[in-house]
Amino acid sequence: MKKVCEIKLEIMPASDIDELRKEKTLNVIEAELFARVISGLKPVDKVYADAADTNEVTFKENILLNLDFKPEIISEHKADSIYTIVSAASIIAKTTRDAEVDKIQAKIGEEIGSGYPADPVTRAFLTNWIKKHKNLPPHTRSSWKTVKKIIEDNKFKIKTLNDY
């Protein structure tokens, strides 16, 4: 895909997400990132988006709010299973994310799992790290509900947790 498609990625560090989460929902942040990617690809007339918001129309509107031009936006849930172009973008995003998680794991020097909330390896890693270090591992969002739940469930006292 990388050989035949123009690809634009936006990777946002956990610390930036935490800062933005003080004022915005994750859905709004994601719509803003979609808009950045779209702006980097213009001119485009039509955009297909896998709606990150429960309301597909709201997601579309939030993307449009952040653009200085108005392409047609097809915003649907599960768009990656409907539109080939969204499937391709989803694969690129997932493999890029996995590679970033692998880099973090190599830097930390221990198994961190997939980084997804339901992953028991990730949850065990977070629990053990927080218990041992009394703070969050590098590249971890303090605004992440999974982290907040682990802290609450284990009654951990944390040195640094910006908005907990």
N, C-alpha and C. Protein backbone atom coordinates (compact mmCIF):
# COMPACT_ATOMS: atom_id res chain seq x y z
N MET A 1 0.83 -1.20 0.00
CA MET A 1 0.00 0.00 0.00
C MET A 1 0.86 1.26 0.00
N LYS A 2 1.96 1.20 0.75
CA LYS A 2 2.82 2.38 0.83
C LYS A 2 3.45 2.73 -0.50
N LYS A 3 3.56 1.74 -1.40
CA LYS A 3 4.16 1.99 -2.70
C LYS A 3 3.18 2.63 -3.69
N VAL A 4 1.89 2.44 -3.49
CA VAL A 4 0.92 2.91 -4.48
C VAL A 4 -0.03 3.99 -3.95
N CYS A 5 0.07 4.32 -2.67
CA CYS A 5 -0.84 5.30 -2.08
C CYS A 5 -0.06 6.44 -1.44
N GLU A 6 -0.66 7.62 -1.45
CA GLU A 6 -0.13 8.71 -0.66
C GLU A 6 -0.62 8.50 0.77
N ILE A 7 0.30 8.51 1.70
CA ILE A 7 -0.06 8.22 3.10
C ILE A 7 0.33 9.40 3.97
N LYS A 8 -0.59 9.80 4.81
CA LYS A 8 -0.33 10.86 5.78
C LYS A 8 -0.79 10.34 7.14
N LEU A 9 0.11 10.39 8.10
CA LEU A 9 -0.19 9.92 9.45
C LEU A 9 -0.05 11.06 10.44
N GLU A 10 -0.83 11.01 11.48
CA GLU A 10 -0.69 11.92 12.62
C GLU A 10 -0.55 11.05 13.86
N ILE A 11 0.58 11.16 14.53
CA ILE A 11 0.81 10.43 15.76
C ILE A 11 0.88 11.46 16.88
N MET A 12 0.03 11.28 17.88
CA MET A 12 -0.02 12.24 18.98
C MET A 12 0.49 11.57 20.26
N PRO A 13 1.48 12.17 20.91
CA PRO A 13 1.99 11.60 22.16
C PRO A 13 0.93 11.59 23.26
N ALA A 14 1.06 10.65 24.18
CA ALA A 14 0.12 10.53 25.29
C ALA A 14 0.02 11.83 26.09
N SER A 15 1.15 12.49 26.28
CA SER A 15 1.14 13.75 27.06
C SER A 15 0.29 14.82 26.38
N ASP A 16 0.32 14.88 25.05
CA ASP A 16 -0.52 15.84 24.33
C ASP A 16 -2.00 15.50 24.46
N ILE A 17 -2.31 14.22 24.40
CA ILE A 17 -3.70 13.79 24.56
C ILE A 17 -4.19 14.16 25.96
N ASP A 18 -3.37 13.88 26.98
CA ASP A 18 -3.75 14.23 28.35
C ASP A 18 -4.02 15.73 28.49
N GLU A 19 -3.18 16.54 27.88
CA GLU A 19 -3.36 18.00 27.96
C GLU A 19 -4.67 18.41 27.28
N LEU A 20 -4.93 17.88 26.09
CA LEU A 20 -6.16 18.21 25.37
C LEU A 20 -7.39 17.66 26.07
N ARG A 21 -7.27 16.52 26.75
CA ARG A 21 -8.41 15.90 27.44
C ARG A 21 -8.93 16.76 28.59
N LYS A 22 -8.14 17.73 29.02
CA LYS A 22 -8.60 18.63 30.08
C LYS A 22 -9.75 19.51 29.59
N GLU A 23 -9.81 19.71 28.25
CA GLU A 23 -10.82 20.60 27.68
C GLU A 23 -11.71 19.94 26.63
N LYS A 24 -11.29 18.79 26.08
CA LYS A 24 -12.01 18.19 24.97
C LYS A 24 -12.21 16.70 25.18
N THR A 25 -13.22 16.17 24.51
CA THR A 25 -13.43 14.73 24.53
C THR A 25 -12.44 14.07 23.57
N LEU A 26 -12.24 12.78 23.75
CA LEU A 26 -11.37 12.04 22.84
C LEU A 26 -11.95 12.04 21.43
N ASN A 27 -13.28 12.01 21.31
CA ASN A 27 -13.90 12.06 19.98
C ASN A 27 -13.58 13.36 19.25
N VAL A 28 -13.60 14.47 19.97
CA VAL A 28 -13.28 15.76 19.36
C VAL A 28 -11.81 15.80 18.96
N ILE A 29 -10.95 15.29 19.82
CA ILE A 29 -9.51 15.24 19.50
C ILE A 29 -9.29 14.40 18.24
N GLU A 30 -9.96 13.26 18.15
CA GLU A 30 -9.80 12.40 16.98
C GLU A 30 -10.32 13.09 15.72
N ALA A 31 -11.42 13.80 15.81
CA ALA A 31 -11.94 14.53 14.65
C ALA A 31 -10.94 15.60 14.20
N GLU A 32 -10.31 16.27 15.16
CA GLU A 32 -9.29 17.27 14.82
C GLU A 32 -8.10 16.62 14.11
N LEU A 33 -7.71 15.44 14.56
CA LEU A 33 -6.60 14.73 13.91
C LEU A 33 -6.99 14.28 12.50
N PHE A 34 -8.22 13.81 12.35
CA PHE A 34 -8.71 13.45 11.01
C PHE A 34 -8.62 14.67 10.09
N ALA A 35 -9.02 15.83 10.62
CA ALA A 35 -8.99 17.06 9.82
C ALA A 35 -7.56 17.42 9.42
N ARG A 36 -6.60 17.23 10.33
CA ARG A 36 -5.20 17.51 9.99
C ARG A 36 -4.73 16.63 8.85
N VAL A 37 -5.09 15.35 8.93
CA VAL A 37 -4.70 14.43 7.86
C VAL A 37 -5.34 14.85 6.54
N ILE A 38 -6.62 15.14 6.58
CA ILE A 38 -7.34 15.55 5.37
C ILE A 38 -6.73 16.82 4.79
N SER A 39 -6.41 17.78 5.65
CA SER A 39 -5.79 19.04 5.19
C SER A 39 -4.46 18.78 4.50
N GLY A 40 -3.74 17.79 4.99
CA GLY A 40 -2.46 17.45 4.39
C GLY A 40 -2.57 16.74 3.06
N LEU A 41 -3.76 16.31 2.73
CA LEU A 41 -3.98 15.59 1.46
C LEU A 41 -4.73 16.42 0.44
N LYS A 42 -5.12 17.64 0.79
CA LYS A 42 -5.96 18.40 -0.13
C LYS A 42 -5.21 18.75 -1.40
N PRO A 43 -5.86 18.93 -2.50
CA PRO A 43 -7.32 19.04 -2.56
C PRO A 43 -7.98 17.66 -2.67
N VAL A 44 -9.00 17.45 -1.86
CA VAL A 44 -9.82 16.24 -1.95
C VAL A 44 -11.28 16.67 -1.99
N ASP A 45 -12.07 15.93 -2.76
CA ASP A 45 -13.49 16.24 -2.88
C ASP A 45 -14.35 15.39 -1.97
N LYS A 46 -13.87 14.16 -1.69
CA LYS A 46 -14.66 13.21 -0.91
C LYS A 46 -13.74 12.49 0.07
N VAL A 47 -14.23 12.33 1.30
CA VAL A 47 -13.48 11.67 2.37
C VAL A 47 -14.35 10.59 2.98
N TYR A 48 -13.75 9.44 3.24
CA TYR A 48 -14.43 8.35 3.94
C TYR A 48 -13.79 8.23 5.32
N ALA A 49 -14.61 8.23 6.36
CA ALA A 49 -14.10 8.18 7.72
C ALA A 49 -14.83 7.13 8.54
N ASP A 50 -14.07 6.37 9.30
CA ASP A 50 -14.65 5.43 10.25
C ASP A 50 -14.99 6.26 11.48
N ALA A 51 -16.27 6.50 11.71
CA ALA A 51 -16.72 7.40 12.77
C ALA A 51 -16.25 6.93 14.14
N ALA A 52 -15.48 7.78 14.80
CA ALA A 52 -14.99 7.46 16.14
C ALA A 52 -15.98 7.86 17.23
N ASP A 53 -16.97 8.63 16.86
CA ASP A 53 -18.01 9.08 17.78
C ASP A 53 -19.21 8.14 17.67
N THR A 54 -19.98 8.00 18.73
CA THR A 54 -21.19 7.18 18.63
C THR A 54 -22.17 7.78 17.62
N ASN A 55 -22.08 9.08 17.42
CA ASN A 55 -22.92 9.77 16.45
C ASN A 55 -22.10 10.08 15.20
N GLU A 56 -22.39 9.38 14.12
CA GLU A 56 -21.63 9.54 12.87
C GLU A 56 -21.70 10.97 12.34
N VAL A 57 -22.86 11.60 12.45
CA VAL A 57 -23.05 12.96 11.95
C VAL A 57 -22.22 13.95 12.77
N THR A 58 -22.24 13.79 14.07
CA THR A 58 -21.45 14.67 14.94
C THR A 58 -19.97 14.55 14.60
N PHE A 59 -19.49 13.33 14.36
CA PHE A 59 -18.09 13.14 14.01
C PHE A 59 -17.76 13.87 12.71
N LYS A 60 -18.61 13.70 11.73
CA LYS A 60 -18.44 14.39 10.44
C LYS A 60 -18.40 15.90 10.65
N GLU A 61 -19.34 16.44 11.42
CA GLU A 61 -19.41 17.88 11.66
C GLU A 61 -18.17 18.38 12.38
N ASN A 62 -17.65 17.59 13.33
CA ASN A 62 -16.44 17.99 14.05
C ASN A 62 -15.22 18.01 13.13
N ILE A 63 -15.18 17.10 12.18
CA ILE A 63 -14.09 17.13 11.19
C ILE A 63 -14.21 18.41 10.37
N LEU A 64 -15.40 18.67 9.84
CA LEU A 64 -15.61 19.84 8.99
C LEU A 64 -15.30 21.15 9.71
N LEU A 65 -15.57 21.23 11.00
CA LEU A 65 -15.27 22.44 11.77
C LEU A 65 -13.78 22.79 11.73
N ASN A 66 -12.95 21.79 11.51
CA ASN A 66 -11.51 21.97 11.55
C ASN A 66 -10.85 22.02 10.18
N LEU A 67 -11.66 22.16 9.15
CA LEU A 67 -11.14 22.25 7.78
C LEU A 67 -11.42 23.64 7.20
N ASP A 68 -10.52 24.12 6.36
CA ASP A 68 -10.75 25.39 5.69
C ASP A 68 -11.35 25.21 4.30
N PHE A 69 -11.76 24.00 3.98
CA PHE A 69 -12.50 23.67 2.76
C PHE A 69 -13.52 22.61 3.15
N LYS A 70 -14.49 22.35 2.33
CA LYS A 70 -15.59 21.47 2.72
C LYS A 70 -15.78 20.31 1.74
N PRO A 71 -15.00 19.26 1.90
CA PRO A 71 -15.22 18.08 1.06
C PRO A 71 -16.48 17.33 1.53
N GLU A 72 -16.98 16.48 0.69
CA GLU A 72 -18.06 15.58 1.12
C GLU A 72 -17.42 14.57 2.06
N ILE A 73 -18.01 14.37 3.23
CA ILE A 73 -17.47 13.40 4.18
C ILE A 73 -18.50 12.31 4.41
N ILE A 74 -18.09 11.09 4.16
CA ILE A 74 -18.89 9.90 4.44
C ILE A 74 -18.37 9.37 5.77
N SER A 75 -19.12 9.59 6.83
CA SER A 75 -18.71 9.19 8.17
C SER A 75 -19.65 8.07 8.63
N GLU A 76 -19.09 6.87 8.77
CA GLU A 76 -19.91 5.72 9.16
C GLU A 76 -19.16 4.84 10.15
N HIS A 77 -19.94 4.19 11.00
CA HIS A 77 -19.35 3.17 11.87
C HIS A 77 -18.98 1.96 11.03
N LYS A 78 -17.89 1.33 11.39
CA LYS A 78 -17.39 0.15 10.68
C LYS A 78 -17.10 0.43 9.20
N ALA A 79 -16.72 1.67 8.90
CA ALA A 79 -16.40 2.03 7.51
C ALA A 79 -15.26 1.19 6.97
N ASP A 80 -14.41 0.69 7.88
CA ASP A 80 -13.30 -0.15 7.42
C ASP A 80 -13.76 -1.49 6.85
N SER A 81 -14.96 -1.90 7.17
CA SER A 81 -15.49 -3.15 6.59
C SER A 81 -16.41 -2.88 5.40
N ILE A 82 -16.64 -1.60 5.10
CA ILE A 82 -17.52 -1.22 4.00
C ILE A 82 -16.73 -0.67 2.81
N TYR A 83 -15.74 0.18 3.09
CA TYR A 83 -14.99 0.88 2.05
C TYR A 83 -13.53 0.42 2.04
N THR A 84 -13.07 -0.01 0.88
CA THR A 84 -11.71 -0.53 0.75
C THR A 84 -10.67 0.50 1.17
N ILE A 85 -10.88 1.75 0.83
CA ILE A 85 -9.91 2.79 1.17
C ILE A 85 -9.78 2.96 2.69
N VAL A 86 -10.90 2.81 3.40
CA VAL A 86 -10.86 2.90 4.86
C VAL A 86 -10.21 1.65 5.45
N SER A 87 -10.44 0.50 4.82
CA SER A 87 -9.76 -0.73 5.24
C SER A 87 -8.25 -0.56 5.15
N ALA A 88 -7.80 0.00 4.03
CA ALA A 88 -6.37 0.21 3.83
C ALA A 88 -5.81 1.17 4.89
N ALA A 89 -6.52 2.27 5.12
CA ALA A 89 -6.08 3.24 6.12
C ALA A 89 -6.05 2.61 7.51
N SER A 90 -7.02 1.77 7.81
CA SER A 90 -7.08 1.09 9.09
C SER A 90 -5.89 0.15 9.28
N ILE A 91 -5.53 -0.55 8.23
CA ILE A 91 -4.38 -1.45 8.29
C ILE A 91 -3.09 -0.66 8.53
N ILE A 92 -2.95 0.44 7.82
CA ILE A 92 -1.75 1.27 7.99
C ILE A 92 -1.70 1.84 9.42
N ALA A 93 -2.83 2.32 9.91
CA ALA A 93 -2.88 2.87 11.27
C ALA A 93 -2.54 1.80 12.30
N LYS A 94 -3.12 0.62 12.14
CA LYS A 94 -2.90 -0.47 13.11
C LYS A 94 -1.45 -0.94 13.09
N THR A 95 -0.88 -1.14 11.91
CA THR A 95 0.50 -1.61 11.86
C THR A 95 1.47 -0.54 12.37
N THR A 96 1.16 0.73 12.12
CA THR A 96 1.98 1.82 12.65
C THR A 96 1.89 1.85 14.17
N ARG A 97 0.68 1.72 14.70
CA ARG A 97 0.50 1.70 16.16
C ARG A 97 1.25 0.54 16.78
N ASP A 98 1.12 -0.65 16.18
CA ASP A 98 1.82 -1.83 16.70
C ASP A 98 3.33 -1.62 16.71
N ALA A 99 3.86 -1.00 15.66
CA ALA A 99 5.30 -0.72 15.60
C ALA A 99 5.71 0.26 16.69
N GLU A 100 4.87 1.26 16.96
CA GLU A 100 5.16 2.22 18.03
C GLU A 100 5.14 1.52 19.40
N VAL A 101 4.19 0.61 19.61
CA VAL A 101 4.13 -0.14 20.87
C VAL A 101 5.38 -1.01 21.00
N ASP A 102 5.81 -1.62 19.90
CA ASP A 102 7.04 -2.43 19.93
C ASP A 102 8.25 -1.58 20.33
N LYS A 103 8.34 -0.36 19.82
CA LYS A 103 9.45 0.54 20.17
C LYS A 103 9.42 0.87 21.67
N ILE A 104 8.23 1.14 22.18
CA ILE A 104 8.08 1.46 23.61
C ILE A 104 8.49 0.25 24.44
N GLN A 105 8.04 -0.92 24.02
CA GLN A 105 8.38 -2.14 24.75
C GLN A 105 9.89 -2.37 24.77
N ALA A 106 10.54 -2.17 23.64
CA ALA A 106 11.99 -2.35 23.57
C ALA A 106 12.70 -1.35 24.49
N LYS A 107 12.20 -0.13 24.52
CA LYS A 107 12.79 0.91 25.37
C LYS A 107 12.63 0.58 26.85
N ILE A 108 11.45 0.10 27.21
CA ILE A 108 11.16 -0.23 28.61
C ILE A 108 11.88 -1.52 29.02
N GLY A 109 12.00 -2.44 28.08
CA GLY A 109 12.72 -3.67 28.36
C GLY A 109 11.90 -4.77 29.03
N GLU A 110 10.59 -4.67 28.90
CA GLU A 110 9.75 -5.75 29.41
C GLU A 110 8.46 -5.83 28.61
N GLU A 111 7.79 -6.96 28.71
CA GLU A 111 6.56 -7.21 27.97
C GLU A 111 5.47 -6.26 28.45
N ILE A 112 4.90 -5.49 27.50
CA ILE A 112 3.83 -4.55 27.87
C ILE A 112 2.49 -4.91 27.23
N GLY A 113 2.49 -5.94 26.41
CA GLY A 113 1.25 -6.35 25.76
C GLY A 113 0.92 -5.44 24.59
N SER A 114 -0.33 -5.47 24.19
CA SER A 114 -0.78 -4.73 23.00
C SER A 114 -1.03 -3.25 23.27
N GLY A 115 -1.23 -2.90 24.54
CA GLY A 115 -1.58 -1.53 24.87
C GLY A 115 -3.06 -1.25 24.83
N TYR A 116 -3.85 -2.29 24.54
CA TYR A 116 -5.31 -2.13 24.52
C TYR A 116 -5.89 -2.39 25.90
N PRO A 117 -7.00 -1.73 26.25
CA PRO A 117 -7.57 -1.84 27.60
C PRO A 117 -7.93 -3.25 28.06
N ALA A 118 -8.39 -4.09 27.17
CA ALA A 118 -8.82 -5.43 27.57
C ALA A 118 -7.67 -6.44 27.64
N ASP A 119 -6.49 -6.06 27.19
CA ASP A 119 -5.35 -6.98 27.15
C ASP A 119 -4.86 -7.26 28.57
N PRO A 120 -4.94 -8.52 29.03
CA PRO A 120 -4.50 -8.83 30.39
C PRO A 120 -3.00 -8.60 30.59
N VAL A 121 -2.21 -8.75 29.55
CA VAL A 121 -0.76 -8.50 29.67
C VAL A 121 -0.52 -7.01 29.91
N THR A 122 -1.23 -6.17 29.17
CA THR A 122 -1.10 -4.72 29.35
C THR A 122 -1.56 -4.32 30.75
N ARG A 123 -2.68 -4.86 31.18
CA ARG A 123 -3.20 -4.52 32.51
C ARG A 123 -2.25 -4.96 33.62
N ALA A 124 -1.68 -6.16 33.47
CA ALA A 124 -0.72 -6.66 34.46
C ALA A 124 0.54 -5.80 34.46
N PHE A 125 1.01 -5.44 33.27
CA PHE A 125 2.19 -4.58 33.18
C PHE A 125 1.94 -3.25 33.90
N LEU A 126 0.81 -2.61 33.59
CA LEU A 126 0.49 -1.33 34.22
C LEU A 126 0.41 -1.46 35.74
N THR A 127 -0.28 -2.48 36.20
CA THR A 127 -0.44 -2.70 37.64
C THR A 127 0.92 -2.87 38.31
N ASN A 128 1.76 -3.74 37.74
CA ASN A 128 3.08 -4.00 38.33
C ASN A 128 3.98 -2.77 38.28
N TRP A 129 3.94 -2.04 37.17
CA TRP A 129 4.77 -0.84 37.04
C TRP A 129 4.38 0.20 38.08
N ILE A 130 3.09 0.46 38.18
CA ILE A 130 2.61 1.48 39.12
C ILE A 130 2.93 1.07 40.56
N LYS A 131 2.74 -0.19 40.86
CA LYS A 131 3.04 -0.70 42.20
C LYS A 131 4.52 -0.50 42.53
N LYS A 132 5.38 -0.79 41.58
CA LYS A 132 6.84 -0.72 41.79
C LYS A 132 7.37 0.71 41.77
N HIS A 133 6.92 1.53 40.79
CA HIS A 133 7.50 2.85 40.57
C HIS A 133 6.70 4.00 41.17
N LYS A 134 5.47 3.73 41.57
CA LYS A 134 4.59 4.76 42.15
C LYS A 134 4.30 5.90 41.17
N ASN A 135 4.41 5.62 39.88
CA ASN A 135 4.00 6.56 38.85
C ASN A 135 3.66 5.78 37.59
N LEU A 136 3.26 6.48 36.56
CA LEU A 136 2.86 5.81 35.33
C LEU A 136 4.06 5.51 34.45
N PRO A 137 3.98 4.43 33.67
CA PRO A 137 5.06 4.15 32.73
C PRO A 137 5.13 5.24 31.67
N PRO A 138 6.30 5.39 31.04
CA PRO A 138 6.40 6.36 29.95
C PRO A 138 5.36 6.06 28.86
N HIS A 139 4.90 7.10 28.21
CA HIS A 139 3.96 6.99 27.08
C HIS A 139 2.57 6.52 27.49
N THR A 140 2.21 6.69 28.75
CA THR A 140 0.89 6.27 29.23
C THR A 140 0.03 7.50 29.50
N ARG A 141 -1.20 7.47 29.00
CA ARG A 141 -2.12 8.57 29.24
C ARG A 141 -2.68 8.50 30.65
N SER A 142 -2.50 9.55 31.41
CA SER A 142 -3.10 9.59 32.75
C SER A 142 -4.62 9.74 32.65
N SER A 143 -5.11 10.21 31.51
CA SER A 143 -6.55 10.37 31.31
C SER A 143 -7.23 9.07 30.84
N TRP A 144 -6.47 8.00 30.70
CA TRP A 144 -6.99 6.72 30.23
C TRP A 144 -7.80 6.05 31.34
N LYS A 145 -9.05 5.71 31.05
CA LYS A 145 -9.93 5.09 32.06
C LYS A 145 -9.33 3.80 32.62
N THR A 146 -8.62 3.06 31.81
CA THR A 146 -7.99 1.81 32.26
C THR A 146 -6.99 2.10 33.37
N VAL A 147 -6.19 3.14 33.21
CA VAL A 147 -5.21 3.51 34.23
C VAL A 147 -5.92 3.96 35.50
N LYS A 148 -6.93 4.78 35.34
CA LYS A 148 -7.67 5.27 36.50
C LYS A 148 -8.30 4.11 37.29
N LYS A 149 -8.84 3.13 36.56
CA LYS A 149 -9.45 1.98 37.21
C LYS A 149 -8.42 1.14 37.96
N ILE A 150 -7.26 0.93 37.35
CA ILE A 150 -6.20 0.16 38.01
C ILE A 150 -5.77 0.87 39.29
N ILE A 151 -5.63 2.17 39.23
CA ILE A 151 -5.23 2.95 40.42
C ILE A 151 -6.30 2.84 41.50
N GLU A 152 -7.56 3.01 41.12
CA GLU A 152 -8.66 2.91 42.09
C GLU A 152 -8.76 1.51 42.69
N ASP A 153 -8.76 0.49 41.82
CA ASP A 153 -8.93 -0.89 42.29
C ASP A 153 -7.83 -1.31 43.25
N ASN A 154 -6.61 -0.81 43.03
CA ASN A 154 -5.47 -1.21 43.86
C ASN A 154 -5.13 -0.19 44.94
N LYS A 155 -5.91 0.90 44.97
CA LYS A 155 -5.69 1.97 45.94
C LYS A 155 -4.24 2.46 45.92
N PHE A 156 -3.70 2.58 44.72
CA PHE A 156 -2.33 3.06 44.55
C PHE A 156 -2.24 4.54 44.86
N LYS A 157 -1.14 4.94 45.43
CA LYS A 157 -0.80 6.35 45.60
C LYS A 157 0.24 6.66 44.52
N ILE A 158 -0.05 7.67 43.72
CA ILE A 158 0.78 7.99 42.57
C ILE A 158 1.51 9.31 42.79
N LYS A 159 2.79 9.36 42.39
CA LYS A 159 3.56 10.60 42.47
C LYS A 159 3.03 11.64 41.50
N THR A 160 2.81 11.22 40.26
CA THR A 160 2.37 12.17 39.24
C THR A 160 1.19 11.60 38.47
N LEU A 161 0.09 12.25 38.57
CA LEU A 161 -1.08 11.91 37.77
C LEU A 161 -1.85 13.20 37.59
N ASN A 162 -1.58 13.85 36.46
CA ASN A 162 -2.06 15.21 36.20
C ASN A 162 -3.53 15.45 36.51
N ASP A 163 -4.39 14.65 35.94
CA ASP A 163 -5.81 14.99 36.05
C ASP A 163 -6.63 13.87 36.68
N TYR A 164 -6.02 13.10 37.55
CA TYR A 164 -6.75 12.01 38.18
C TYR A 164 -7.50 12.54 39.38
